[in-house]
Amino acid sequence: MKAGMLCFKVYYYLKLIVQSSISRRKFLVTHPDNLWRRHICRPATERCTYEVIPNGCPSKLYFDLEYNKSVNSNSNGETMVQTLICAILWAFQEIYKIKLTIKDVLILEASTDTKFSQHLSKCH
C-alpha cells in the first residue's frame, strides 16, 4: 500500500466535538470532505467546531485547565499550572523513565477576564 493511501485511511474518519447553540456537545464521525462542506455552508457565527481528533492516530498528552476566577478568587492559576507540570515531569521520570523538561511542554494561554484557561500539551 502506498504511503499516501495509508495516510488517507488513517485520517478517513474524524471525530468532532461541536459546540451547539444550546451549549450541548455533539460527537460526529465523518469524512474530512463532508466536514468541510458542512462547515463552509454555515454562517460564520455558527462555525464553532473546536476539536478534531483523527481516529486511530496516536495522540499527545493534553490538559485543558480552567476555572472561574470569581468563584476561585484566591487561586493562582500560574502557580497551580507550574505545580502540575512539575508533578507530570516527575511522574514521567520516576514511573516511565522518560526524562522531560519544561521545554517539552507547550503552554497555550486562553484566559479571559472571567476565566483562567491554559492548555498543556507535550511538544515534539
PDB file of N, CA and C in Angstrom:
ATOM      1  N   MET A   1       0.837  -1.171   0.000  1.00  0.00           N
ATOM      2  CA  MET A   1       0.000   0.000   0.000  1.00  0.00           C
ATOM      3  C   MET A   1       0.891   1.246   0.000  1.00  0.00           C
ATOM      4  N   LYS A   2       0.551   2.236  -0.788  1.00  0.00           N
ATOM      5  CA  LYS A   2       1.331   3.465  -0.866  1.00  0.00           C
ATOM      6  C   LYS A   2       1.145   4.289   0.402  1.00  0.00           C
ATOM      7  N   ALA A   3       2.176   5.066   0.736  1.00  0.00           N
ATOM      8  CA  ALA A   3       2.117   5.876   1.958  1.00  0.00           C
ATOM      9  C   ALA A   3       0.937   6.836   1.939  1.00  0.00           C
ATOM     10  N   GLY A   4       0.660   7.463   0.797  1.00  0.00           N
ATOM     11  CA  GLY A   4      -0.464   8.396   0.711  1.00  0.00           C
ATOM     12  C   GLY A   4      -1.792   7.733   0.992  1.00  0.00           C
ATOM     13  N   MET A   5      -1.957   6.505   0.508  1.00  0.00           N
ATOM     14  CA  MET A   5      -3.201   5.786   0.745  1.00  0.00           C
ATOM     15  C   MET A   5      -3.348   5.433   2.219  1.00  0.00           C
ATOM     16  N   LEU A   6      -2.278   5.029   2.850  1.00  0.00           N
ATOM     17  CA  LEU A   6      -2.315   4.693   4.263  1.00  0.00           C
ATOM     18  C   LEU A   6      -2.683   5.930   5.081  1.00  0.00           C
ATOM     19  N   CYS A   7      -2.062   7.045   4.742  1.00  0.00           N
ATOM     20  CA  CYS A   7      -2.358   8.292   5.440  1.00  0.00           C
ATOM     21  C   CYS A   7      -3.828   8.653   5.264  1.00  0.00           C
ATOM     22  N   PHE A   8      -4.350   8.456   4.053  1.00  0.00           N
ATOM     23  CA  PHE A   8      -5.745   8.765   3.789  1.00  0.00           C
ATOM     24  C   PHE A   8      -6.650   7.902   4.661  1.00  0.00           C
ATOM     25  N   LYS A   9      -6.315   6.621   4.778  1.00  0.00           N
ATOM     26  CA  LYS A   9      -7.138   5.750   5.604  1.00  0.00           C
ATOM     27  C   LYS A   9      -7.042   6.132   7.080  1.00  0.00           C
ATOM     28  N   VAL A  10      -5.864   6.499   7.522  1.00  0.00           N
ATOM     29  CA  VAL A  10      -5.693   6.895   8.919  1.00  0.00           C
ATOM     30  C   VAL A  10      -6.572   8.100   9.222  1.00  0.00           C
ATOM     31  N   TYR A  11      -6.661   9.037   8.289  1.00  0.00           N
ATOM     32  CA  TYR A  11      -7.413  10.262   8.507  1.00  0.00           C
ATOM     33  C   TYR A  11      -8.812  10.213   7.881  1.00  0.00           C
ATOM     34  N   TYR A  12      -9.245   9.042   7.474  1.00  0.00           N
ATOM     35  CA  TYR A  12     -10.507   8.933   6.754  1.00  0.00           C
ATOM     36  C   TYR A  12     -11.690   9.373   7.613  1.00  0.00           C
ATOM     37  N   TYR A  13     -11.743   8.928   8.863  1.00  0.00           N
ATOM     38  CA  TYR A  13     -12.824   9.328   9.746  1.00  0.00           C
ATOM     39  C   TYR A  13     -12.289  10.276  10.808  1.00  0.00           C
ATOM     40  N   LEU A  14     -13.046  11.317  11.071  1.00  0.00           N
ATOM     41  CA  LEU A  14     -12.681  12.281  12.105  1.00  0.00           C
ATOM     42  C   LEU A  14     -13.780  12.303  13.158  1.00  0.00           C
ATOM     43  N   LYS A  15     -13.370  12.435  14.386  1.00  0.00           N
ATOM     44  CA  LYS A  15     -14.317  12.576  15.477  1.00  0.00           C
ATOM     45  C   LYS A  15     -14.330  14.050  15.837  1.00  0.00           C
ATOM     46  N   LEU A  16     -15.471  14.668  15.788  1.00  0.00           N
ATOM     47  CA  LEU A  16     -15.577  16.093  16.062  1.00  0.00           C
ATOM     48  C   LEU A  16     -16.343  16.323  17.352  1.00  0.00           C
ATOM     49  N   ILE A  17     -15.965  17.337  18.023  1.00  0.00           N
ATOM     50  CA  ILE A  17     -16.762  17.798  19.137  1.00  0.00           C
ATOM     51  C   ILE A  17     -17.278  19.168  18.719  1.00  0.00           C
ATOM     52  N   VAL A  18     -18.575  19.283  18.569  1.00  0.00           N
ATOM     53  CA  VAL A  18     -19.168  20.509  18.053  1.00  0.00           C
ATOM     54  C   VAL A  18     -19.977  21.157  19.165  1.00  0.00           C
ATOM     55  N   GLN A  19     -19.718  22.412  19.412  1.00  0.00           N
ATOM     56  CA  GLN A  19     -20.465  23.153  20.420  1.00  0.00           C
ATOM     57  C   GLN A  19     -21.712  23.727  19.750  1.00  0.00           C
ATOM     58  N   SER A  20     -22.897  23.329  20.170  1.00  0.00           N
ATOM     59  CA  SER A  20     -24.119  23.811  19.551  1.00  0.00           C
ATOM     60  C   SER A  20     -24.606  25.074  20.245  1.00  0.00           C
ATOM     61  N   SER A  21     -25.641  25.687  19.677  1.00  0.00           N
ATOM     62  CA  SER A  21     -26.141  26.955  20.201  1.00  0.00           C
ATOM     63  C   SER A  21     -26.806  26.806  21.565  1.00  0.00           C
ATOM     64  N   ILE A  22     -27.178  25.599  21.970  1.00  0.00           N
ATOM     65  CA  ILE A  22     -27.795  25.420  23.284  1.00  0.00           C
ATOM     66  C   ILE A  22     -26.809  24.824  24.281  1.00  0.00           C
ATOM     67  N   SER A  23     -25.555  25.021  24.049  1.00  0.00           N
ATOM     68  CA  SER A  23     -24.483  24.594  24.952  1.00  0.00           C
ATOM     69  C   SER A  23     -24.462  23.097  25.197  1.00  0.00           C
ATOM     70  N   ARG A  24     -24.726  22.330  24.178  1.00  0.00           N
ATOM     71  CA  ARG A  24     -24.584  20.882  24.246  1.00  0.00           C
ATOM     72  C   ARG A  24     -23.493  20.488  23.273  1.00  0.00           C
ATOM     73  N   ARG A  25     -22.778  19.445  23.600  1.00  0.00           N
ATOM     74  CA  ARG A  25     -21.736  18.946  22.703  1.00  0.00           C
ATOM     75  C   ARG A  25     -22.281  17.782  21.906  1.00  0.00           C
ATOM     76  N   LYS A  26     -21.945  17.776  20.618  1.00  0.00           N
ATOM     77  CA  LYS A  26     -22.318  16.665  19.755  1.00  0.00           C
ATOM     78  C   LYS A  26     -21.041  16.025  19.240  1.00  0.00           C
ATOM     79  N   PHE A  27     -21.063  14.727  19.128  1.00  0.00           N
ATOM     80  CA  PHE A  27     -19.927  13.997  18.591  1.00  0.00           C
ATOM     81  C   PHE A  27     -20.313  13.515  17.202  1.00  0.00           C
ATOM     82  N   LEU A  28     -19.463  13.772  16.239  1.00  0.00           N
ATOM     83  CA  LEU A  28     -19.751  13.464  14.854  1.00  0.00           C
ATOM     84  C   LEU A  28     -18.568  12.735  14.240  1.00  0.00           C
ATOM     85  N   VAL A  29     -18.847  11.695  13.511  1.00  0.00           N
ATOM     86  CA  VAL A  29     -17.807  10.985  12.772  1.00  0.00           C
ATOM     87  C   VAL A  29     -18.110  11.189  11.300  1.00  0.00           C
ATOM     88  N   THR A  30     -17.145  11.701  10.540  1.00  0.00           N
ATOM     89  CA  THR A  30     -17.378  12.000   9.136  1.00  0.00           C
ATOM     90  C   THR A  30     -16.076  12.015   8.350  1.00  0.00           C
ATOM     91  N   HIS A  31     -16.201  12.045   7.055  1.00  0.00           N
ATOM     92  CA  HIS A  31     -15.052  12.189   6.166  1.00  0.00           C
ATOM     93  C   HIS A  31     -14.648  13.670   6.148  1.00  0.00           C
ATOM     94  N   PRO A  32     -13.358  13.995   6.010  1.00  0.00           N
ATOM     95  CA  PRO A  32     -12.930  15.392   6.008  1.00  0.00           C
ATOM     96  C   PRO A  32     -13.639  16.251   4.949  1.00  0.00           C
ATOM     97  N   ASP A  33     -13.927  15.686   3.772  1.00  0.00           N
ATOM     98  CA  ASP A  33     -14.630  16.452   2.739  1.00  0.00           C
ATOM     99  C   ASP A  33     -16.042  16.823   3.190  1.00  0.00           C
ATOM    100  N   ASN A  34     -16.724  15.869   3.843  1.00  0.00           N
ATOM    101  CA  ASN A  34     -18.065  16.164   4.354  1.00  0.00           C
ATOM    102  C   ASN A  34     -18.008  17.230   5.438  1.00  0.00           C
ATOM    103  N   LEU A  35     -17.009  17.129   6.299  1.00  0.00           N
ATOM    104  CA  LEU A  35     -16.833  18.133   7.339  1.00  0.00           C
ATOM    105  C   LEU A  35     -16.695  19.515   6.720  1.00  0.00           C
ATOM    106  N   TRP A  36     -15.847  19.656   5.716  1.00  0.00           N
ATOM    107  CA  TRP A  36     -15.618  20.949   5.095  1.00  0.00           C
ATOM    108  C   TRP A  36     -16.898  21.474   4.437  1.00  0.00           C
ATOM    109  N   ARG A  37     -17.599  20.619   3.707  1.00  0.00           N
ATOM    110  CA  ARG A  37     -18.835  21.059   3.039  1.00  0.00           C
ATOM    111  C   ARG A  37     -19.866  21.536   4.055  1.00  0.00           C
ATOM    112  N   ARG A  38     -19.999  20.830   5.146  1.00  0.00           N
ATOM    113  CA  ARG A  38     -20.965  21.232   6.179  1.00  0.00           C
ATOM    114  C   ARG A  38     -20.519  22.514   6.873  1.00  0.00           C
ATOM    115  N   HIS A  39     -19.243  22.618   7.115  1.00  0.00           N
ATOM    116  CA  HIS A  39     -18.702  23.765   7.857  1.00  0.00           C
ATOM    117  C   HIS A  39     -18.798  25.050   7.038  1.00  0.00           C
ATOM    118  N   ILE A  40     -18.399  25.021   5.793  1.00  0.00           N
ATOM    119  CA  ILE A  40     -18.321  26.232   4.979  1.00  0.00           C
ATOM    120  C   ILE A  40     -19.702  26.785   4.629  1.00  0.00           C
ATOM    121  N   CYS A  41     -20.731  25.933   4.645  1.00  0.00           N
ATOM    122  CA  CYS A  41     -22.090  26.379   4.320  1.00  0.00           C
ATOM    123  C   CYS A  41     -22.780  27.079   5.488  1.00  0.00           C
ATOM    124  N   ARG A  42     -22.240  26.939   6.668  1.00  0.00           N
ATOM    125  CA  ARG A  42     -22.849  27.563   7.844  1.00  0.00           C
ATOM    126  C   ARG A  42     -22.448  29.027   7.936  1.00  0.00           C
ATOM    127  N   PRO A  43     -23.286  29.858   8.532  1.00  0.00           N
ATOM    128  CA  PRO A  43     -22.876  31.253   8.766  1.00  0.00           C
ATOM    129  C   PRO A  43     -21.621  31.281   9.647  1.00  0.00           C
ATOM    130  N   ALA A  44     -20.790  32.276   9.440  1.00  0.00           N
ATOM    131  CA  ALA A  44     -19.520  32.364  10.180  1.00  0.00           C
ATOM    132  C   ALA A  44     -19.740  32.298  11.691  1.00  0.00           C
ATOM    133  N   THR A  45     -20.840  32.841  12.181  1.00  0.00           N
ATOM    134  CA  THR A  45     -21.106  32.843  13.623  1.00  0.00           C
ATOM    135  C   THR A  45     -21.467  31.462  14.154  1.00  0.00           C
ATOM    136  N   GLU A  46     -21.787  30.524  13.265  1.00  0.00           N
ATOM    137  CA  GLU A  46     -22.153  29.177  13.689  1.00  0.00           C
ATOM    138  C   GLU A  46     -21.057  28.154  13.405  1.00  0.00           C
ATOM    139  N   ARG A  47     -19.920  28.587  12.926  1.00  0.00           N
ATOM    140  CA  ARG A  47     -18.796  27.684  12.681  1.00  0.00           C
ATOM    141  C   ARG A  47     -18.012  27.546  13.972  1.00  0.00           C
ATOM    142  N   CYS A  48     -18.398  26.579  14.766  1.00  0.00           N
ATOM    143  CA  CYS A  48     -17.824  26.508  16.112  1.00  0.00           C
ATOM    144  C   CYS A  48     -17.259  25.133  16.444  1.00  0.00           C
ATOM    145  N   THR A  49     -16.786  24.411  15.478  1.00  0.00           N
ATOM    146  CA  THR A  49     -16.105  23.157  15.749  1.00  0.00           C
ATOM    147  C   THR A  49     -14.793  23.495  16.442  1.00  0.00           C
ATOM    148  N   TYR A  50     -14.538  22.901  17.586  1.00  0.00           N
ATOM    149  CA  TYR A  50     -13.321  23.293  18.284  1.00  0.00           C
ATOM    150  C   TYR A  50     -12.324  22.178  18.492  1.00  0.00           C
ATOM    151  N   GLU A  51     -12.620  20.991  18.073  1.00  0.00           N
ATOM    152  CA  GLU A  51     -11.641  19.934  18.245  1.00  0.00           C
ATOM    153  C   GLU A  51     -11.861  18.856  17.202  1.00  0.00           C
ATOM    154  N   VAL A  52     -10.811  18.497  16.511  1.00  0.00           N
ATOM    155  CA  VAL A  52     -10.860  17.427  15.524  1.00  0.00           C
ATOM    156  C   VAL A  52      -9.831  16.384  15.944  1.00  0.00           C
ATOM    157  N   ILE A  53     -10.283  15.151  16.124  1.00  0.00           N
ATOM    158  CA  ILE A  53      -9.407  14.081  16.596  1.00  0.00           C
ATOM    159  C   ILE A  53      -9.356  12.994  15.524  1.00  0.00           C
ATOM    160  N   PRO A  54      -8.225  12.804  14.858  1.00  0.00           N
ATOM    161  CA  PRO A  54      -8.133  11.726  13.864  1.00  0.00           C
ATOM    162  C   PRO A  54      -8.290  10.362  14.527  1.00  0.00           C
ATOM    163  N   ASN A  55      -9.156   9.544  13.972  1.00  0.00           N
ATOM    164  CA  ASN A  55      -9.418   8.213  14.511  1.00  0.00           C
ATOM    165  C   ASN A  55      -8.219   7.295  14.282  1.00  0.00           C
ATOM    166  N   GLY A  56      -7.809   6.566  15.314  1.00  0.00           N
ATOM    167  CA  GLY A  56      -6.753   5.582  15.184  1.00  0.00           C
ATOM    168  C   GLY A  56      -5.347   6.141  15.155  1.00  0.00           C
ATOM    169  N   CYS A  57      -5.195   7.423  15.356  1.00  0.00           N
ATOM    170  CA  CYS A  57      -3.867   8.048  15.331  1.00  0.00           C
ATOM    171  C   CYS A  57      -3.372   8.257  16.760  1.00  0.00           C
ATOM    172  N   PRO A  58      -2.064   8.145  16.961  1.00  0.00           N
ATOM    173  CA  PRO A  58      -1.523   8.437  18.288  1.00  0.00           C
ATOM    174  C   PRO A  58      -1.845   9.872  18.694  1.00  0.00           C
ATOM    175  N   SER A  59      -2.120  10.075  19.953  1.00  0.00           N
ATOM    176  CA  SER A  59      -2.420  11.408  20.457  1.00  0.00           C
ATOM    177  C   SER A  59      -1.373  11.822  21.475  1.00  0.00           C
ATOM    178  N   LYS A  60      -1.198  13.119  21.607  1.00  0.00           N
ATOM    179  CA  LYS A  60      -0.281  13.640  22.619  1.00  0.00           C
ATOM    180  C   LYS A  60      -1.042  13.859  23.919  1.00  0.00           C
ATOM    181  N   LEU A  61      -0.316  13.762  25.020  1.00  0.00           N
ATOM    182  CA  LEU A  61      -0.885  14.071  26.322  1.00  0.00           C
ATOM    183  C   LEU A  61      -1.349  15.525  26.297  1.00  0.00           C
ATOM    184  N   TYR A  62      -2.547  15.770  26.785  1.00  0.00           N
ATOM    185  CA  TYR A  62      -3.144  17.091  26.671  1.00  0.00           C
ATOM    186  C   TYR A  62      -3.966  17.384  27.917  1.00  0.00           C
ATOM    187  N   PHE A  63      -3.813  18.579  28.469  1.00  0.00           N
ATOM    188  CA  PHE A  63      -4.600  19.016  29.620  1.00  0.00           C
ATOM    189  C   PHE A  63      -5.308  20.310  29.269  1.00  0.00           C
ATOM    190  N   ASP A  64      -6.596  20.378  29.545  1.00  0.00           N
ATOM    191  CA  ASP A  64      -7.391  21.589  29.368  1.00  0.00           C
ATOM    192  C   ASP A  64      -7.722  22.073  30.774  1.00  0.00           C
ATOM    193  N   LEU A  65      -7.023  23.083  31.245  1.00  0.00           N
ATOM    194  CA  LEU A  65      -7.138  23.539  32.629  1.00  0.00           C
ATOM    195  C   LEU A  65      -7.897  24.857  32.676  1.00  0.00           C
ATOM    196  N   GLU A  66      -8.959  24.903  33.453  1.00  0.00           N
ATOM    197  CA  GLU A  66      -9.693  26.161  33.553  1.00  0.00           C
ATOM    198  C   GLU A  66     -10.509  26.227  34.832  1.00  0.00           C
ATOM    199  N   TYR A  67     -10.780  27.471  35.244  1.00  0.00           N
ATOM    200  CA  TYR A  67     -11.665  27.712  36.369  1.00  0.00           C
ATOM    201  C   TYR A  67     -12.213  29.127  36.287  1.00  0.00           C
ATOM    202  N   ASN A  68     -13.346  29.324  36.940  1.00  0.00           N
ATOM    203  CA  ASN A  68     -13.989  30.627  37.000  1.00  0.00           C
ATOM    204  C   ASN A  68     -13.252  31.479  38.031  1.00  0.00           C
ATOM    205  N   LYS A  69     -12.764  32.634  37.623  1.00  0.00           N
ATOM    206  CA  LYS A  69     -11.954  33.477  38.514  1.00  0.00           C
ATOM    207  C   LYS A  69     -12.770  34.036  39.678  1.00  0.00           C
ATOM    208  N   SER A  70     -14.026  34.377  39.458  1.00  0.00           N
ATOM    209  CA  SER A  70     -14.807  34.971  40.548  1.00  0.00           C
ATOM    210  C   SER A  70     -15.105  33.950  41.651  1.00  0.00           C
ATOM    211  N   VAL A  71     -15.274  32.702  41.294  1.00  0.00           N
ATOM    212  CA  VAL A  71     -15.549  31.654  42.279  1.00  0.00           C
ATOM    213  C   VAL A  71     -14.262  31.215  42.979  1.00  0.00           C
ATOM    214  N   ASN A  72     -13.122  31.418  42.328  1.00  0.00           N
ATOM    215  CA  ASN A  72     -11.819  30.987  42.857  1.00  0.00           C
ATOM    216  C   ASN A  72     -10.872  32.177  42.974  1.00  0.00           C
ATOM    217  N   SER A  73     -11.335  33.226  43.607  1.00  0.00           N
ATOM    218  CA  SER A  73     -10.565  34.480  43.657  1.00  0.00           C
ATOM    219  C   SER A  73      -9.226  34.346  44.377  1.00  0.00           C
ATOM    220  N   ASN A  74      -9.080  33.375  45.268  1.00  0.00           N
ATOM    221  CA  ASN A  74      -7.820  33.176  45.980  1.00  0.00           C
ATOM    222  C   ASN A  74      -6.861  32.241  45.257  1.00  0.00           C
ATOM    223  N   SER A  75      -7.266  31.730  44.103  1.00  0.00           N
ATOM    224  CA  SER A  75      -6.433  30.775  43.365  1.00  0.00           C
ATOM    225  C   SER A  75      -5.437  31.499  42.471  1.00  0.00           C
ATOM    226  N   ASN A  76      -4.268  30.907  42.337  1.00  0.00           N
ATOM    227  CA  ASN A  76      -3.241  31.437  41.435  1.00  0.00           C
ATOM    228  C   ASN A  76      -3.023  30.392  40.345  1.00  0.00           C
ATOM    229  N   GLY A  77      -3.649  30.614  39.204  1.00  0.00           N
ATOM    230  CA  GLY A  77      -3.600  29.649  38.117  1.00  0.00           C
ATOM    231  C   GLY A  77      -2.195  29.349  37.647  1.00  0.00           C
ATOM    232  N   GLU A  78      -1.366  30.378  37.548  1.00  0.00           N
ATOM    233  CA  GLU A  78       0.013  30.185  37.083  1.00  0.00           C
ATOM    234  C   GLU A  78       0.778  29.246  38.014  1.00  0.00           C
ATOM    235  N   THR A  79       0.628  29.456  39.309  1.00  0.00           N
ATOM    236  CA  THR A  79       1.309  28.603  40.288  1.00  0.00           C
ATOM    237  C   THR A  79       0.780  27.180  40.225  1.00  0.00           C
ATOM    238  N   MET A  80      -0.540  27.043  40.090  1.00  0.00           N
ATOM    239  CA  MET A  80      -1.129  25.700  40.021  1.00  0.00           C
ATOM    240  C   MET A  80      -0.651  24.961  38.779  1.00  0.00           C
ATOM    241  N   VAL A  81      -0.561  25.662  37.646  1.00  0.00           N
ATOM    242  CA  VAL A  81      -0.090  25.027  36.410  1.00  0.00           C
ATOM    243  C   VAL A  81       1.364  24.590  36.565  1.00  0.00           C
ATOM    244  N   GLN A  82       2.204  25.440  37.145  1.00  0.00           N
ATOM    245  CA  GLN A  82       3.604  25.076  37.335  1.00  0.00           C
ATOM    246  C   GLN A  82       3.747  23.872  38.267  1.00  0.00           C
ATOM    247  N   THR A  83       2.903  23.807  39.297  1.00  0.00           N
ATOM    248  CA  THR A  83       2.921  22.656  40.203  1.00  0.00           C
ATOM    249  C   THR A  83       2.520  21.386  39.459  1.00  0.00           C
ATOM    250  N   LEU A  84       1.484  21.475  38.626  1.00  0.00           N
ATOM    251  CA  LEU A  84       1.049  20.322  37.838  1.00  0.00           C
ATOM    252  C   LEU A  84       2.147  19.871  36.884  1.00  0.00           C
ATOM    253  N   ILE A  85       2.784  20.820  36.204  1.00  0.00           N
ATOM    254  CA  ILE A  85       3.859  20.473  35.272  1.00  0.00           C
ATOM    255  C   ILE A  85       4.995  19.765  35.998  1.00  0.00           C
ATOM    256  N   CYS A  86       5.385  20.271  37.153  1.00  0.00           N
ATOM    257  CA  CYS A  86       6.454  19.621  37.929  1.00  0.00           C
ATOM    258  C   CYS A  86       6.058  18.194  38.309  1.00  0.00           C
ATOM    259  N   ALA A  87       4.801  17.993  38.699  1.00  0.00           N
ATOM    260  CA  ALA A  87       4.332  16.657  39.063  1.00  0.00           C
ATOM    261  C   ALA A  87       4.348  15.727  37.851  1.00  0.00           C
ATOM    262  N   ILE A  88       3.956  16.233  36.698  1.00  0.00           N
ATOM    263  CA  ILE A  88       3.954  15.420  35.475  1.00  0.00           C
ATOM    264  C   ILE A  88       5.380  15.039  35.081  1.00  0.00           C
ATOM    265  N   LEU A  89       6.287  16.003  35.121  1.00  0.00           N
ATOM    266  CA  LEU A  89       7.682  15.729  34.765  1.00  0.00           C
ATOM    267  C   LEU A  89       8.275  14.694  35.719  1.00  0.00           C
ATOM    268  N   TRP A  90       7.974  14.828  37.006  1.00  0.00           N
ATOM    269  CA  TRP A  90       8.460  13.863  37.993  1.00  0.00           C
ATOM    270  C   TRP A  90       7.915  12.462  37.681  1.00  0.00           C
ATOM    271  N   ALA A  91       6.600  12.383  37.400  1.00  0.00           N
ATOM    272  CA  ALA A  91       5.971  11.085  37.144  1.00  0.00           C
ATOM    273  C   ALA A  91       6.556  10.414  35.904  1.00  0.00           C
ATOM    274  N   PHE A  92       6.784  11.176  34.858  1.00  0.00           N
ATOM    275  CA  PHE A  92       7.377  10.582  33.656  1.00  0.00           C
ATOM    276  C   PHE A  92       8.759  10.018  33.960  1.00  0.00           C
ATOM    277  N   GLN A  93       9.525  10.726  34.766  1.00  0.00           N
ATOM    278  CA  GLN A  93      10.868  10.259  35.109  1.00  0.00           C
ATOM    279  C   GLN A  93      10.811   9.044  36.025  1.00  0.00           C
ATOM    280  N   GLU A  94      10.037   9.141  37.085  1.00  0.00           N
ATOM    281  CA  GLU A  94      10.006   8.080  38.092  1.00  0.00           C
ATOM    282  C   GLU A  94       9.265   6.827  37.637  1.00  0.00           C
ATOM    283  N   ILE A  95       8.185   6.995  36.946  1.00  0.00           N
ATOM    284  CA  ILE A  95       7.352   5.850  36.572  1.00  0.00           C
ATOM    285  C   ILE A  95       7.754   5.259  35.227  1.00  0.00           C
ATOM    286  N   TYR A  96       7.987   6.141  34.248  1.00  0.00           N
ATOM    287  CA  TYR A  96       8.240   5.659  32.883  1.00  0.00           C
ATOM    288  C   TYR A  96       9.700   5.771  32.443  1.00  0.00           C
ATOM    289  N   LYS A  97      10.538   6.355  33.311  1.00  0.00           N
ATOM    290  CA  LYS A  97      11.964   6.549  33.000  1.00  0.00           C
ATOM    291  C   LYS A  97      12.154   7.383  31.725  1.00  0.00           C
ATOM    292  N   ILE A  98      11.269   8.363  31.550  1.00  0.00           N
ATOM    293  CA  ILE A  98      11.344   9.285  30.410  1.00  0.00           C
ATOM    294  C   ILE A  98      11.715  10.654  30.953  1.00  0.00           C
ATOM    295  N   LYS A  99      12.831  11.171  30.522  1.00  0.00           N
ATOM    296  CA  LYS A  99      13.319  12.462  31.005  1.00  0.00           C
ATOM    297  C   LYS A  99      12.721  13.585  30.159  1.00  0.00           C
ATOM    298  N   LEU A 100      11.906  14.421  30.784  1.00  0.00           N
ATOM    299  CA  LEU A 100      11.324  15.586  30.127  1.00  0.00           C
ATOM    300  C   LEU A 100      11.707  16.833  30.904  1.00  0.00           C
ATOM    301  N   THR A 101      11.682  17.961  30.239  1.00  0.00           N
ATOM    302  CA  THR A 101      11.916  19.242  30.891  1.00  0.00           C
ATOM    303  C   THR A 101      10.754  20.170  30.554  1.00  0.00           C
ATOM    304  N   ILE A 102      10.744  21.332  31.156  1.00  0.00           N
ATOM    305  CA  ILE A 102       9.703  22.321  30.898  1.00  0.00           C
ATOM    306  C   ILE A 102       9.670  22.701  29.411  1.00  0.00           C
ATOM    307  N   LYS A 103      10.794  22.569  28.732  1.00  0.00           N
ATOM    308  CA  LYS A 103      10.841  22.880  27.296  1.00  0.00           C
ATOM    309  C   LYS A 103      10.031  21.886  26.464  1.00  0.00           C
ATOM    310  N   ASP A 104       9.691  20.748  27.054  1.00  0.00           N
ATOM    311  CA  ASP A 104       8.884  19.743  26.363  1.00  0.00           C
ATOM    312  C   ASP A 104       7.382  19.991  26.504  1.00  0.00           C
ATOM    313  N   VAL A 105       7.013  21.022  27.238  1.00  0.00           N
ATOM    314  CA  VAL A 105       5.602  21.317  27.486  1.00  0.00           C
ATOM    315  C   VAL A 105       5.203  22.582  26.736  1.00  0.00           C
ATOM    316  N   LEU A 106       4.191  22.457  25.889  1.00  0.00           N
ATOM    317  CA  LEU A 106       3.625  23.605  25.187  1.00  0.00           C
ATOM    318  C   LEU A 106       2.488  24.138  26.041  1.00  0.00           C
ATOM    319  N   ILE A 107       2.546  25.419  26.375  1.00  0.00           N
ATOM    320  CA  ILE A 107       1.516  26.059  27.188  1.00  0.00           C
ATOM    321  C   ILE A 107       0.802  27.080  26.311  1.00  0.00           C
ATOM    322  N   LEU A 108      -0.488  26.866  26.116  1.00  0.00           N
ATOM    323  CA  LEU A 108      -1.299  27.794  25.332  1.00  0.00           C
ATOM    324  C   LEU A 108      -2.214  28.557  26.279  1.00  0.00           C
ATOM    325  N   GLU A 109      -2.101  29.853  26.276  1.00  0.00           N
ATOM    326  CA  GLU A 109      -2.873  30.723  27.154  1.00  0.00           C
ATOM    327  C   GLU A 109      -4.205  31.063  26.490  1.00  0.00           C
ATOM    328  N   ALA A 110      -5.298  30.873  27.221  1.00  0.00           N
ATOM    329  CA  ALA A 110      -6.623  31.185  26.677  1.00  0.00           C
ATOM    330  C   ALA A 110      -7.505  31.856  27.726  1.00  0.00           C
ATOM    331  N   SER A 111      -6.885  32.499  28.702  1.00  0.00           N
ATOM    332  CA  SER A 111      -7.649  33.121  29.783  1.00  0.00           C
ATOM    333  C   SER A 111      -8.388  34.367  29.303  1.00  0.00           C
ATOM    334  N   THR A 112      -9.479  34.660  30.022  1.00  0.00           N
ATOM    335  CA  THR A 112     -10.238  35.894  29.793  1.00  0.00           C
ATOM    336  C   THR A 112     -10.311  36.630  31.120  1.00  0.00           C
ATOM    337  N   ASP A 113     -11.061  37.721  31.160  1.00  0.00           N
ATOM    338  CA  ASP A 113     -11.222  38.455  32.409  1.00  0.00           C
ATOM    339  C   ASP A 113     -11.953  37.636  33.464  1.00  0.00           C
ATOM    340  N   THR A 114     -12.801  36.707  33.030  1.00  0.00           N
ATOM    341  CA  THR A 114     -13.616  35.945  33.974  1.00  0.00           C
ATOM    342  C   THR A 114     -13.168  34.501  34.170  1.00  0.00           C
ATOM    343  N   LYS A 115     -12.338  33.993  33.265  1.00  0.00           N
ATOM    344  CA  LYS A 115     -11.963  32.575  33.330  1.00  0.00           C
ATOM    345  C   LYS A 115     -10.457  32.400  33.144  1.00  0.00           C
ATOM    346  N   PHE A 116      -9.847  31.606  34.032  1.00  0.00           N
ATOM    347  CA  PHE A 116      -8.467  31.185  33.820  1.00  0.00           C
ATOM    348  C   PHE A 116      -8.519  29.972  32.914  1.00  0.00           C
ATOM    349  N   SER A 117      -7.694  29.960  31.877  1.00  0.00           N
ATOM    350  CA  SER A 117      -7.698  28.832  30.952  1.00  0.00           C
ATOM    351  C   SER A 117      -6.323  28.684  30.312  1.00  0.00           C
ATOM    352  N   GLN A 118      -5.733  27.521  30.511  1.00  0.00           N
ATOM    353  CA  GLN A 118      -4.487  27.176  29.831  1.00  0.00           C
ATOM    354  C   GLN A 118      -4.583  25.751  29.336  1.00  0.00           C
ATOM    355  N   HIS A 119      -3.945  25.498  28.216  1.00  0.00           N
ATOM    356  CA  HIS A 119      -3.926  24.180  27.605  1.00  0.00           C
ATOM    357  C   HIS A 119      -2.479  23.721  27.549  1.00  0.00           C
ATOM    358  N   LEU A 120      -2.214  22.529  28.070  1.00  0.00           N
ATOM    359  CA  LEU A 120      -0.867  21.993  28.086  1.00  0.00           C
ATOM    360  C   LEU A 120      -0.806  20.788  27.170  1.00  0.00           C
ATOM    361  N   SER A 121       0.285  20.689  26.426  1.00  0.00           N
ATOM    362  CA  SER A 121       0.485  19.556  25.543  1.00  0.00           C
ATOM    363  C   SER A 121       1.976  19.261  25.495  1.00  0.00           C
ATOM    364  N   LYS A 122       2.308  18.009  25.226  1.00  0.00           N
ATOM    365  CA  LYS A 122       3.710  17.651  25.067  1.00  0.00           C
ATOM    366  C   LYS A 122       4.166  18.043  23.679  1.00  0.00           C
ATOM    367  N   CYS A 123       5.263  18.786  23.615  1.00  0.00           N
ATOM    368  CA  CYS A 123       5.838  19.173  22.327  1.00  0.00           C
ATOM    369  C   CYS A 123       6.554  17.962  21.712  1.00  0.00           C
ATOM    370  N   HIS A 124       6.891  18.073  20.470  1.00  0.00           N
ATOM    371  CA  HIS A 124       7.683  17.075  19.714  1.00  0.00           C
ATOM    372  C   HIS A 124       6.898  15.817  19.500  1.00  0.00           C
TER     373      HIS A 124
END
